[in-house]
Every structure is written in structure tokens, then in C-alpha cells.
């Protein structure tokens, strides 16, 4: 089993434990954020750890993604996988 297969299987198991939610929020469309720009589109990524590097960042996610936005990121990816990326 590859690392990606293992992460996917663990995510499926965690998803089974989640209660359905009626909460909905407005979100920007990821693809739209990258299309139709007159400049290079950058996707910034926030993760606290990685399988290859171990612990990376212990920063507040909200302030970090605001910083990415202020620097011009077109979109932001936040890894929420807990066992390998320390996300939530």
C-alpha cells in the first residue's frame, strides 16, 4: 500500500465518524481563483508537518493564510490530515 493509499484509507475511516452537518458556508471557487488572471497564479500551502520532513510549522493557521493572501496568493491549500500533516 502506498503512502497516498494509506492516507486515503485513514481519511475514509475518519469521515465515517463525522456527524452530518447542515452548516453551509460561502467559499470561493478554487478553479475560479486561478483562472483569468493577468499574472501568475500561486497556490500557497499551509501544513504543520510532512511525511518526509516531519514537523515544519507551529504557527497560527489563520494569521499565516492571511499573510499568504497579503503576499498575493491566488488560492490557499490547508492540509487537514492529522496523522501525517498534523492538521485538523
PDB file of N, CA and C in Angstrom:
ATOM      1  N   UNK A   1       0.858  -1.179   0.000  1.00  0.00           N
ATOM      2  CA  UNK A   1       0.000   0.000   0.000  1.00  0.00           C
ATOM      3  C   UNK A   1       0.898   1.235   0.000  1.00  0.00           C
ATOM      4  N   UNK A   2       0.630   2.182  -0.908  1.00  0.00           N
ATOM      5  CA  UNK A   2       1.417   3.406  -0.979  1.00  0.00           C
ATOM      6  C   UNK A   2       1.024   4.356   0.148  1.00  0.00           C
ATOM      7  N   UNK A   3       1.839   5.356   0.369  1.00  0.00           N
ATOM      8  CA  UNK A   3       1.544   6.369   1.385  1.00  0.00           C
ATOM      9  C   UNK A   3       0.220   7.050   1.062  1.00  0.00           C
ATOM     10  N   UNK A   4       0.002   7.368  -0.210  1.00  0.00           N
ATOM     11  CA  UNK A   4      -1.248   8.020  -0.608  1.00  0.00           C
ATOM     12  C   UNK A   4      -2.443   7.113  -0.356  1.00  0.00           C
ATOM     13  N   UNK A   5      -2.305   5.842  -0.652  1.00  0.00           N
ATOM     14  CA  UNK A   5      -3.392   4.890  -0.378  1.00  0.00           C
ATOM     15  C   UNK A   5      -3.697   4.840   1.119  1.00  0.00           C
ATOM     16  N   UNK A   6      -2.647   4.829   1.926  1.00  0.00           N
ATOM     17  CA  UNK A   6      -2.834   4.772   3.377  1.00  0.00           C
ATOM     18  C   UNK A   6      -3.530   6.031   3.898  1.00  0.00           C
ATOM     19  N   UNK A   7      -3.098   7.201   3.423  1.00  0.00           N
ATOM     20  CA  UNK A   7      -3.729   8.464   3.833  1.00  0.00           C
ATOM     21  C   UNK A   7      -5.195   8.475   3.423  1.00  0.00           C
ATOM     22  N   UNK A   8      -5.477   8.002   2.201  1.00  0.00           N
ATOM     23  CA  UNK A   8      -6.860   7.969   1.697  1.00  0.00           C
ATOM     24  C   UNK A   8      -7.728   7.050   2.543  1.00  0.00           C
ATOM     25  N   UNK A   9      -7.227   5.884   2.867  1.00  0.00           N
ATOM     26  CA  UNK A   9      -7.992   4.936   3.676  1.00  0.00           C
ATOM     27  C   UNK A   9      -8.269   5.496   5.070  1.00  0.00           C
ATOM     28  N   UNK A  10      -7.265   6.114   5.689  1.00  0.00           N
ATOM     29  CA  UNK A  10      -7.469   6.716   7.012  1.00  0.00           C
ATOM     30  C   UNK A  10      -8.494   7.853   6.943  1.00  0.00           C
ATOM     31  N   UNK A  11      -8.467   8.631   5.862  1.00  0.00           N
ATOM     32  CA  UNK A  11      -9.436   9.715   5.693  1.00  0.00           C
ATOM     33  C   UNK A  11     -10.847   9.171   5.559  1.00  0.00           C
ATOM     34  N   UNK A  12     -11.002   8.083   4.836  1.00  0.00           N
ATOM     35  CA  UNK A  12     -12.332   7.461   4.701  1.00  0.00           C
ATOM     36  C   UNK A  12     -12.848   6.989   6.056  1.00  0.00           C
ATOM     37  N   UNK A  13     -11.970   6.402   6.852  1.00  0.00           N
ATOM     38  CA  UNK A  13     -12.368   5.940   8.185  1.00  0.00           C
ATOM     39  C   UNK A  13     -12.761   7.118   9.084  1.00  0.00           C
ATOM     40  N   UNK A  14     -11.990   8.211   9.042  1.00  0.00           N
ATOM     41  CA  UNK A  14     -12.336   9.403   9.839  1.00  0.00           C
ATOM     42  C   UNK A  14     -13.667   9.995   9.379  1.00  0.00           C
ATOM     43  N   UNK A  15     -13.910  10.004   8.067  1.00  0.00           N
ATOM     44  CA  UNK A  15     -15.146  10.568   7.521  1.00  0.00           C
ATOM     45  C   UNK A  15     -16.372   9.800   8.008  1.00  0.00           C
ATOM     46  N   UNK A  16     -16.239   8.493   8.191  1.00  0.00           N
ATOM     47  CA  UNK A  16     -17.360   7.687   8.697  1.00  0.00           C
ATOM     48  C   UNK A  16     -17.750   8.089  10.118  1.00  0.00           C
ATOM     49  N   UNK A  17     -16.808   8.651  10.857  1.00  0.00           N
ATOM     50  CA  UNK A  17     -17.052   9.040  12.247  1.00  0.00           C
ATOM     51  C   UNK A  17     -17.696  10.427  12.376  1.00  0.00           C
ATOM     52  N   UNK A  18     -17.682  11.194  11.289  1.00  0.00           N
ATOM     53  CA  UNK A  18     -18.217  12.553  11.339  1.00  0.00           C
ATOM     54  C   UNK A  18     -19.737  12.556  11.293  1.00  0.00           C
ATOM     55  N   UNK A  19     -20.315  13.439  12.074  1.00  0.00           N
ATOM     56  CA  UNK A  19     -21.767  13.608  12.030  1.00  0.00           C
ATOM     57  C   UNK A  19     -22.115  14.501  10.844  1.00  0.00           C
ATOM     58  N   UNK A  20     -23.217  14.205  10.152  1.00  0.00           N
ATOM     59  CA  UNK A  20     -23.635  15.094   9.061  1.00  0.00           C
ATOM     60  C   UNK A  20     -23.895  16.500   9.605  1.00  0.00           C
ATOM     61  N   UNK A  21     -23.609  17.473   8.785  1.00  0.00           N
ATOM     62  CA  UNK A  21     -23.781  18.863   9.213  1.00  0.00           C
ATOM     63  C   UNK A  21     -24.683  19.591   8.228  1.00  0.00           C
ATOM     64  N   UNK A  22     -25.572  20.396   8.764  1.00  0.00           N
ATOM     65  CA  UNK A  22     -26.411  21.245   7.925  1.00  0.00           C
ATOM     66  C   UNK A  22     -25.753  22.592   7.694  1.00  0.00           C
ATOM     67  N   UNK A  23     -24.628  22.826   8.346  1.00  0.00           N
ATOM     68  CA  UNK A  23     -23.928  24.108   8.234  1.00  0.00           C
ATOM     69  C   UNK A  23     -23.347  24.251   6.831  1.00  0.00           C
ATOM     70  N   UNK A  24     -23.567  25.365   6.253  1.00  0.00           N
ATOM     71  CA  UNK A  24     -23.007  25.679   4.942  1.00  0.00           C
ATOM     72  C   UNK A  24     -22.339  27.043   5.044  1.00  0.00           C
ATOM     73  N   UNK A  25     -21.249  27.185   4.342  1.00  0.00           N
ATOM     74  CA  UNK A  25     -20.579  28.483   4.330  1.00  0.00           C
ATOM     75  C   UNK A  25     -20.223  28.831   2.894  1.00  0.00           C
ATOM     76  N   UNK A  26     -20.085  30.097   2.663  1.00  0.00           N
ATOM     77  CA  UNK A  26     -19.684  30.567   1.344  1.00  0.00           C
ATOM     78  C   UNK A  26     -18.192  30.337   1.183  1.00  0.00           C
ATOM     79  N   UNK A  27     -17.814  29.719   0.086  1.00  0.00           N
ATOM     80  CA  UNK A  27     -16.401  29.514  -0.197  1.00  0.00           C
ATOM     81  C   UNK A  27     -16.110  29.962  -1.612  1.00  0.00           C
ATOM     82  N   UNK A  28     -14.936  30.494  -1.780  1.00  0.00           N
ATOM     83  CA  UNK A  28     -14.501  30.863  -3.122  1.00  0.00           C
ATOM     84  C   UNK A  28     -14.270  29.591  -3.929  1.00  0.00           C
ATOM     85  N   UNK A  29     -14.465  29.657  -5.211  1.00  0.00           N
ATOM     86  CA  UNK A  29     -14.226  28.521  -6.087  1.00  0.00           C
ATOM     87  C   UNK A  29     -12.729  28.456  -6.398  1.00  0.00           C
ATOM     88  N   UNK A  30     -12.108  27.318  -6.061  1.00  0.00           N
ATOM     89  CA  UNK A  30     -10.664  27.159  -6.225  1.00  0.00           C
ATOM     90  C   UNK A  30     -10.232  27.382  -7.674  1.00  0.00           C
ATOM     91  N   UNK A  31     -10.925  26.744  -8.613  1.00  0.00           N
ATOM     92  CA  UNK A  31     -10.556  26.878 -10.029  1.00  0.00           C
ATOM     93  C   UNK A  31     -10.723  28.319 -10.502  1.00  0.00           C
ATOM     94  N   UNK A  32     -11.797  28.982 -10.079  1.00  0.00           N
ATOM     95  CA  UNK A  32     -12.012  30.371 -10.474  1.00  0.00           C
ATOM     96  C   UNK A  32     -10.910  31.288  -9.946  1.00  0.00           C
ATOM     97  N   UNK A  33     -10.368  30.958  -8.779  1.00  0.00           N
ATOM     98  CA  UNK A  33      -9.306  31.776  -8.202  1.00  0.00           C
ATOM     99  C   UNK A  33      -8.036  31.728  -9.052  1.00  0.00           C
ATOM    100  N   UNK A  34      -7.888  30.678  -9.845  1.00  0.00           N
ATOM    101  CA  UNK A  34      -6.671  30.523 -10.650  1.00  0.00           C
ATOM    102  C   UNK A  34      -6.845  30.944 -12.106  1.00  0.00           C
ATOM    103  N   UNK A  35      -8.080  31.072 -12.568  1.00  0.00           N
ATOM    104  CA  UNK A  35      -8.367  31.388 -13.967  1.00  0.00           C
ATOM    105  C   UNK A  35      -8.449  32.889 -14.215  1.00  0.00           C
ATOM    106  N   UNK A  36      -8.217  33.255 -15.458  1.00  0.00           N
ATOM    107  CA  UNK A  36      -8.497  34.595 -15.936  1.00  0.00           C
ATOM    108  C   UNK A  36      -7.691  35.693 -15.281  1.00  0.00           C
ATOM    109  N   UNK A  37      -6.494  35.392 -14.864  1.00  0.00           N
ATOM    110  CA  UNK A  37      -5.658  36.414 -14.230  1.00  0.00           C
ATOM    111  C   UNK A  37      -4.663  36.940 -15.252  1.00  0.00           C
ATOM    112  N   UNK A  38      -4.260  38.170 -15.041  1.00  0.00           N
ATOM    113  CA  UNK A  38      -3.256  38.758 -15.928  1.00  0.00           C
ATOM    114  C   UNK A  38      -1.849  38.593 -15.345  1.00  0.00           C
ATOM    115  N   UNK A  39      -1.753  37.726 -14.344  1.00  0.00           N
ATOM    116  CA  UNK A  39      -0.452  37.452 -13.725  1.00  0.00           C
ATOM    117  C   UNK A  39      -0.404  35.978 -13.325  1.00  0.00           C
ATOM    118  N   UNK A  40       0.743  35.545 -12.899  1.00  0.00           N
ATOM    119  CA  UNK A  40       0.925  34.169 -12.470  1.00  0.00           C
ATOM    120  C   UNK A  40       0.042  33.873 -11.263  1.00  0.00           C
ATOM    121  N   UNK A  41      -0.625  32.735 -11.278  1.00  0.00           N
ATOM    122  CA  UNK A  41      -1.440  32.310 -10.145  1.00  0.00           C
ATOM    123  C   UNK A  41      -0.604  31.421  -9.241  1.00  0.00           C
ATOM    124  N   UNK A  42      -0.585  31.751  -7.971  1.00  0.00           N
ATOM    125  CA  UNK A  42       0.182  30.990  -6.991  1.00  0.00           C
ATOM    126  C   UNK A  42      -0.777  30.348  -5.992  1.00  0.00           C
ATOM    127  N   UNK A  43      -0.593  29.049  -5.726  1.00  0.00           N
ATOM    128  CA  UNK A  43      -1.337  28.364  -4.684  1.00  0.00           C
ATOM    129  C   UNK A  43      -0.375  28.197  -3.505  1.00  0.00           C
ATOM    130  N   UNK A  44      -0.673  28.852  -2.391  1.00  0.00           N
ATOM    131  CA  UNK A  44       0.138  28.718  -1.180  1.00  0.00           C
ATOM    132  C   UNK A  44      -0.410  27.551  -0.365  1.00  0.00           C
ATOM    133  N   UNK A  45       0.473  26.864   0.325  1.00  0.00           N
ATOM    134  CA  UNK A  45       0.051  25.697   1.096  1.00  0.00           C
ATOM    135  C   UNK A  45       0.469  25.849   2.548  1.00  0.00           C
ATOM    136  N   UNK A  46      -0.465  25.504   3.450  1.00  0.00           N
ATOM    137  CA  UNK A  46      -0.149  25.501   4.874  1.00  0.00           C
ATOM    138  C   UNK A  46      -0.258  24.078   5.388  1.00  0.00           C
ATOM    139  N   UNK A  47       0.810  23.613   6.014  1.00  0.00           N
ATOM    140  CA  UNK A  47       0.790  22.320   6.687  1.00  0.00           C
ATOM    141  C   UNK A  47       1.757  22.399   7.860  1.00  0.00           C
ATOM    142  N   UNK A  48       1.415  21.725   8.931  1.00  0.00           N
ATOM    143  CA  UNK A  48       2.246  21.747  10.131  1.00  0.00           C
ATOM    144  C   UNK A  48       3.378  20.727  10.074  1.00  0.00           C
ATOM    145  N   UNK A  49       3.234  19.694   9.252  1.00  0.00           N
ATOM    146  CA  UNK A  49       4.245  18.643   9.139  1.00  0.00           C
ATOM    147  C   UNK A  49       4.120  17.990   7.776  1.00  0.00           C
ATOM    148  N   UNK A  50       5.131  17.203   7.422  1.00  0.00           N
ATOM    149  CA  UNK A  50       5.056  16.406   6.197  1.00  0.00           C
ATOM    150  C   UNK A  50       5.687  15.048   6.468  1.00  0.00           C
ATOM    151  N   UNK A  51       5.278  14.024   5.702  1.00  0.00           N
ATOM    152  CA  UNK A  51       5.854  12.695   5.910  1.00  0.00           C
ATOM    153  C   UNK A  51       7.371  12.673   5.717  1.00  0.00           C
ATOM    154  N   UNK A  52       7.884  13.498   4.820  1.00  0.00           N
ATOM    155  CA  UNK A  52       9.321  13.462   4.543  1.00  0.00           C
ATOM    156  C   UNK A  52      10.147  14.376   5.448  1.00  0.00           C
ATOM    157  N   UNK A  53       9.562  15.503   5.911  1.00  0.00           N
ATOM    158  CA  UNK A  53      10.326  16.466   6.712  1.00  0.00           C
ATOM    159  C   UNK A  53      10.006  16.443   8.199  1.00  0.00           C
ATOM    160  N   UNK A  54       8.904  15.796   8.573  1.00  0.00           N
ATOM    161  CA  UNK A  54       8.488  15.830   9.972  1.00  0.00           C
ATOM    162  C   UNK A  54       7.852  17.177  10.297  1.00  0.00           C
ATOM    163  N   UNK A  55       8.007  17.656  11.528  1.00  0.00           N
ATOM    164  CA  UNK A  55       7.415  18.929  11.940  1.00  0.00           C
ATOM    165  C   UNK A  55       8.003  20.087  11.143  1.00  0.00           C
ATOM    166  N   UNK A  56       7.115  20.982  10.682  1.00  0.00           N
ATOM    167  CA  UNK A  56       7.539  22.128   9.875  1.00  0.00           C
ATOM    168  C   UNK A  56       7.186  23.444  10.566  1.00  0.00           C
ATOM    169  N   UNK A  57       5.916  23.596  10.952  1.00  0.00           N
ATOM    170  CA  UNK A  57       5.442  24.897  11.433  1.00  0.00           C
ATOM    171  C   UNK A  57       4.534  24.731  12.635  1.00  0.00           C
ATOM    172  N   UNK A  58       4.655  25.632  13.564  1.00  0.00           N
ATOM    173  CA  UNK A  58       3.762  25.666  14.716  1.00  0.00           C
ATOM    174  C   UNK A  58       3.068  27.020  14.780  1.00  0.00           C
ATOM    175  N   UNK A  59       2.800  27.596  13.620  1.00  0.00           N
ATOM    176  CA  UNK A  59       2.185  28.919  13.532  1.00  0.00           C
ATOM    177  C   UNK A  59       0.668  28.833  13.590  1.00  0.00           C
ATOM    178  N   UNK A  60       0.056  29.955  13.891  1.00  0.00           N
ATOM    179  CA  UNK A  60      -1.397  30.072  13.858  1.00  0.00           C
ATOM    180  C   UNK A  60      -1.840  30.072  12.397  1.00  0.00           C
ATOM    181  N   UNK A  61      -2.692  29.126  12.040  1.00  0.00           N
ATOM    182  CA  UNK A  61      -3.079  28.963  10.642  1.00  0.00           C
ATOM    183  C   UNK A  61      -3.775  30.209  10.097  1.00  0.00           C
ATOM    184  N   UNK A  62      -4.649  30.836  10.870  1.00  0.00           N
ATOM    185  CA  UNK A  62      -5.390  31.997  10.370  1.00  0.00           C
ATOM    186  C   UNK A  62      -4.444  33.154  10.023  1.00  0.00           C
ATOM    187  N   UNK A  63      -3.498  33.442  10.896  1.00  0.00           N
ATOM    188  CA  UNK A  63      -2.579  34.548  10.605  1.00  0.00           C
ATOM    189  C   UNK A  63      -1.649  34.197   9.441  1.00  0.00           C
ATOM    190  N   UNK A  64      -1.271  32.940   9.327  1.00  0.00           N
ATOM    191  CA  UNK A  64      -0.389  32.541   8.228  1.00  0.00           C
ATOM    192  C   UNK A  64      -1.088  32.640   6.883  1.00  0.00           C
ATOM    193  N   UNK A  65      -2.346  32.195   6.794  1.00  0.00           N
ATOM    194  CA  UNK A  65      -3.027  32.278   5.497  1.00  0.00           C
ATOM    195  C   UNK A  65      -3.359  33.728   5.144  1.00  0.00           C
ATOM    196  N   UNK A  66      -3.611  34.563   6.141  1.00  0.00           N
ATOM    197  CA  UNK A  66      -3.779  35.999   5.847  1.00  0.00           C
ATOM    198  C   UNK A  66      -2.484  36.565   5.263  1.00  0.00           C
ATOM    199  N   UNK A  67      -1.361  36.139   5.816  1.00  0.00           N
ATOM    200  CA  UNK A  67      -0.059  36.574   5.308  1.00  0.00           C
ATOM    201  C   UNK A  67       0.121  36.130   3.850  1.00  0.00           C
ATOM    202  N   UNK A  68      -0.234  34.871   3.552  1.00  0.00           N
ATOM    203  CA  UNK A  68      -0.164  34.396   2.168  1.00  0.00           C
ATOM    204  C   UNK A  68      -1.045  35.247   1.256  1.00  0.00           C
ATOM    205  N   UNK A  69      -2.265  35.530   1.711  1.00  0.00           N
ATOM    206  CA  UNK A  69      -3.184  36.363   0.925  1.00  0.00           C
ATOM    207  C   UNK A  69      -2.572  37.733   0.664  1.00  0.00           C
ATOM    208  N   UNK A  70      -2.023  38.353   1.721  1.00  0.00           N
ATOM    209  CA  UNK A  70      -1.429  39.684   1.590  1.00  0.00           C
ATOM    210  C   UNK A  70      -0.224  39.693   0.645  1.00  0.00           C
ATOM    211  N   UNK A  71       0.454  38.552   0.532  1.00  0.00           N
ATOM    212  CA  UNK A  71       1.588  38.445  -0.384  1.00  0.00           C
ATOM    213  C   UNK A  71       1.150  38.139  -1.813  1.00  0.00           C
ATOM    214  N   UNK A  72      -0.172  37.927  -2.017  1.00  0.00           N
ATOM    215  CA  UNK A  72      -0.687  37.765  -3.373  1.00  0.00           C
ATOM    216  C   UNK A  72      -1.057  36.363  -3.800  1.00  0.00           C
ATOM    217  N   UNK A  73      -1.161  35.433  -2.861  1.00  0.00           N
ATOM    218  CA  UNK A  73      -1.568  34.075  -3.237  1.00  0.00           C
ATOM    219  C   UNK A  73      -2.949  34.113  -3.885  1.00  0.00           C
ATOM    220  N   UNK A  74      -3.110  33.388  -4.974  1.00  0.00           N
ATOM    221  CA  UNK A  74      -4.399  33.308  -5.660  1.00  0.00           C
ATOM    222  C   UNK A  74      -5.355  32.366  -4.942  1.00  0.00           C
ATOM    223  N   UNK A  75      -4.792  31.335  -4.320  1.00  0.00           N
ATOM    224  CA  UNK A  75      -5.572  30.350  -3.585  1.00  0.00           C
ATOM    225  C   UNK A  75      -4.680  29.789  -2.478  1.00  0.00           C
ATOM    226  N   UNK A  76      -5.319  29.208  -1.466  1.00  0.00           N
ATOM    227  CA  UNK A  76      -4.566  28.671  -0.339  1.00  0.00           C
ATOM    228  C   UNK A  76      -5.074  27.265  -0.036  1.00  0.00           C
ATOM    229  N   UNK A  77      -4.146  26.344   0.076  1.00  0.00           N
ATOM    230  CA  UNK A  77      -4.443  24.958   0.422  1.00  0.00           C
ATOM    231  C   UNK A  77      -4.021  24.737   1.871  1.00  0.00           C
ATOM    232  N   UNK A  78      -4.956  24.261   2.696  1.00  0.00           N
ATOM    233  CA  UNK A  78      -4.649  23.963   4.099  1.00  0.00           C
ATOM    234  C   UNK A  78      -4.832  22.468   4.297  1.00  0.00           C
ATOM    235  N   UNK A  79      -3.746  21.779   4.610  1.00  0.00           N
ATOM    236  CA  UNK A  79      -3.817  20.329   4.801  1.00  0.00           C
ATOM    237  C   UNK A  79      -4.403  20.027   6.169  1.00  0.00           C
ATOM    238  N   UNK A  80      -5.464  19.236   6.184  1.00  0.00           N
ATOM    239  CA  UNK A  80      -6.168  18.937   7.430  1.00  0.00           C
ATOM    240  C   UNK A  80      -5.986  17.497   7.883  1.00  0.00           C
ATOM    241  N   UNK A  81      -5.198  16.731   7.180  1.00  0.00           N
ATOM    242  CA  UNK A  81      -4.970  15.328   7.531  1.00  0.00           C
ATOM    243  C   UNK A  81      -4.141  15.281   8.815  1.00  0.00           C
ATOM    244  N   UNK A  82      -4.632  14.599   9.872  1.00  0.00           N
ATOM    245  CA  UNK A  82      -3.984  14.680  11.179  1.00  0.00           C
ATOM    246  C   UNK A  82      -2.765  13.791  11.395  1.00  0.00           C
ATOM    247  N   UNK A  83      -2.736  12.599  10.826  1.00  0.00           N
ATOM    248  CA  UNK A  83      -1.670  11.673  11.220  1.00  0.00           C
ATOM    249  C   UNK A  83      -0.318  11.962  10.569  1.00  0.00           C
ATOM    250  N   UNK A  84      -0.295  12.476   9.381  1.00  0.00           N
ATOM    251  CA  UNK A  84       0.988  12.757   8.725  1.00  0.00           C
ATOM    252  C   UNK A  84       1.283  14.246   8.569  1.00  0.00           C
ATOM    253  N   UNK A  85       0.226  15.088   8.588  1.00  0.00           N
ATOM    254  CA  UNK A  85       0.414  16.519   8.374  1.00  0.00           C
ATOM    255  C   UNK A  85       0.034  17.373   9.591  1.00  0.00           C
ATOM    256  N   UNK A  86      -0.351  16.714  10.693  1.00  0.00           N
ATOM    257  CA  UNK A  86      -0.729  17.380  11.940  1.00  0.00           C
ATOM    258  C   UNK A  86      -1.844  18.416  11.737  1.00  0.00           C
ATOM    259  N   UNK A  87      -2.723  18.187  10.799  1.00  0.00           N
ATOM    260  CA  UNK A  87      -3.826  19.103  10.546  1.00  0.00           C
ATOM    261  C   UNK A  87      -5.051  18.745  11.337  1.00  0.00           C
ATOM    262  N   UNK A  88      -6.033  19.634  11.263  1.00  0.00           N
ATOM    263  CA  UNK A  88      -7.325  19.383  11.883  1.00  0.00           C
ATOM    264  C   UNK A  88      -8.387  20.199  11.175  1.00  0.00           C
TER     265      UNK A  88
END
